[in-house]
Amino acid sequence: MAASGFVEEKELEYPINPPGWTVESRDALLETSFQHKNGTLQTPALPGLGFNIDRSALHKYGKRFFVMDRKRLMWFSLRTRGLKVSMEIDKVRKKKKRQKASK
């Protein structure tokens, strides 16, 4: 269980139920699929998390949920923090902006 800290624990089972759930559909956003040998998932050897995202597949299937522009950020702040806190945050932001401009 490579560097997981759970060496003594049971192994994780993963579903595979063709034709709907296949390795290709499970790993569609990865550059290379996870490898299986005798029913065991092989530990990825790449740096970091061990896999790379296929950018073209992500572009094809990925979906942007929202765009946070200045106007949406104001409404989000008002809705989640309230008017008083939002105004205090804006005041601090403007003060930092002035200090940066004066340097």
Protein backbone atom coordinates (compact mmCIF):
# COMPACT_ATOMS: atom_id res chain seq x y z
CA MET A 1 0.00 0.00 0.00
CA ALA A 2 2.79 2.34 -1.02
CA ALA A 3 3.40 5.14 1.47
CA SER A 4 -0.22 5.18 2.61
CA GLY A 5 0.40 4.37 6.27
CA PHE A 6 -2.15 1.55 6.05
CA VAL A 7 0.15 -1.42 5.39
CA GLU A 8 -1.69 -3.63 7.88
CA GLU A 9 -5.17 -2.73 6.55
CA LYS A 10 -7.25 -4.57 3.96
CA GLU A 11 -6.69 -3.63 0.37
CA LEU A 12 -9.10 -1.31 -1.40
CA GLU A 13 -11.43 -2.93 -3.89
CA TYR A 14 -12.35 -1.10 -7.07
CA PRO A 15 -15.33 -1.79 -9.33
CA ILE A 16 -15.05 -3.15 -12.83
CA ASN A 17 -18.27 -4.29 -14.46
CA PRO A 18 -18.11 -4.38 -18.25
CA PRO A 19 -19.61 -3.18 -20.52
CA GLY A 20 -20.58 -0.02 -18.56
CA TRP A 21 -17.65 0.29 -16.17
CA THR A 22 -14.33 -0.41 -17.86
CA VAL A 23 -10.75 0.62 -17.32
CA GLU A 24 -11.00 2.99 -20.29
CA SER A 25 -14.10 4.74 -18.94
CA ARG A 26 -12.70 4.89 -15.40
CA ASP A 27 -9.37 6.36 -16.50
CA ALA A 28 -10.65 8.49 -19.43
CA LEU A 29 -9.09 11.72 -18.10
CA LEU A 30 -5.64 10.17 -17.46
CA GLU A 31 -2.75 10.11 -19.94
CA THR A 32 -2.10 6.46 -19.06
CA SER A 33 -4.50 4.06 -17.36
CA PHE A 34 -3.69 2.47 -14.03
CA GLN A 35 -2.12 -0.93 -14.58
CA HIS A 36 -3.53 -4.19 -13.19
CA LYS A 37 -1.61 -7.42 -12.67
CA ASN A 38 -3.27 -10.56 -11.30
CA GLY A 39 -6.14 -8.50 -9.87
CA THR A 40 -3.82 -6.04 -8.13
CA LEU A 41 -3.62 -2.36 -9.02
CA GLN A 42 0.02 -1.41 -9.60
CA THR A 43 1.29 1.67 -7.78
CA PRO A 44 1.86 4.56 -10.24
CA ALA A 45 5.53 5.52 -10.56
CA LEU A 46 5.24 9.09 -11.85
CA PRO A 47 6.17 12.00 -9.56
CA GLY A 48 3.51 13.69 -7.42
CA LEU A 49 0.24 11.82 -7.28
CA GLY A 50 1.56 9.27 -9.77
CA PHE A 51 -0.56 10.20 -12.78
CA ASN A 52 -0.97 12.97 -15.31
CA ILE A 53 -4.23 14.46 -16.56
CA ASP A 54 -4.87 14.27 -20.31
CA ARG A 55 -5.54 17.94 -21.09
CA SER A 56 -7.33 17.26 -24.38
CA ALA A 57 -9.74 14.81 -22.70
CA LEU A 58 -10.28 17.27 -19.86
CA HIS A 59 -11.05 20.00 -22.40
CA LYS A 60 -13.46 17.67 -24.20
CA TYR A 61 -15.32 16.32 -21.14
CA GLY A 62 -14.59 18.92 -18.47
CA LYS A 63 -17.18 21.50 -17.54
CA ARG A 64 -16.69 24.91 -16.03
CA PHE A 65 -19.21 25.39 -13.27
CA PHE A 66 -18.91 29.14 -12.76
CA VAL A 67 -16.75 32.16 -13.44
CA MET A 68 -15.81 34.31 -10.45
CA ASP A 69 -15.61 37.87 -11.72
CA ARG A 70 -15.60 40.99 -9.52
CA LYS A 71 -19.39 41.37 -9.48
CA ARG A 72 -20.01 37.71 -8.54
CA LEU A 73 -17.32 37.93 -5.86
CA MET A 74 -19.10 40.91 -4.27
CA TRP A 75 -22.44 39.07 -4.19
CA PHE A 76 -20.79 35.92 -2.84
CA SER A 77 -19.13 37.90 -0.05
CA LEU A 78 -22.37 39.67 0.85
CA ARG A 79 -24.34 36.44 0.85
CA THR A 80 -21.82 34.41 2.90
CA ARG A 81 -20.32 37.05 5.22
CA GLY A 82 -22.86 39.84 5.41
CA LEU A 83 -22.62 43.55 4.65
CA LYS A 84 -20.50 44.62 7.64
CA VAL A 85 -17.75 42.03 7.17
CA SER A 86 -17.75 42.51 3.39
CA MET A 87 -17.23 46.26 3.83
CA GLU A 88 -14.37 45.66 6.29
CA ILE A 89 -12.70 43.28 3.84
CA ASP A 90 -13.07 45.85 1.04
CA LYS A 91 -11.60 48.55 3.29
CA VAL A 92 -8.53 46.43 4.06
CA ARG A 93 -8.14 45.53 0.37
CA LYS A 94 -8.23 49.21 -0.65
CA LYS A 95 -5.74 50.14 2.06
CA LYS A 96 -3.29 47.48 0.84
CA LYS A 97 -3.76 48.66 -2.72
CA ARG A 98 -2.94 52.26 -1.73
CA GLN A 99 0.14 51.15 0.22
CA LYS A 100 1.36 49.12 -2.75
CA ALA A 101 0.80 52.06 -5.13
CA SER A 102 2.72 54.45 -2.88
CA LYS A 103 5.86 52.25 -2.84
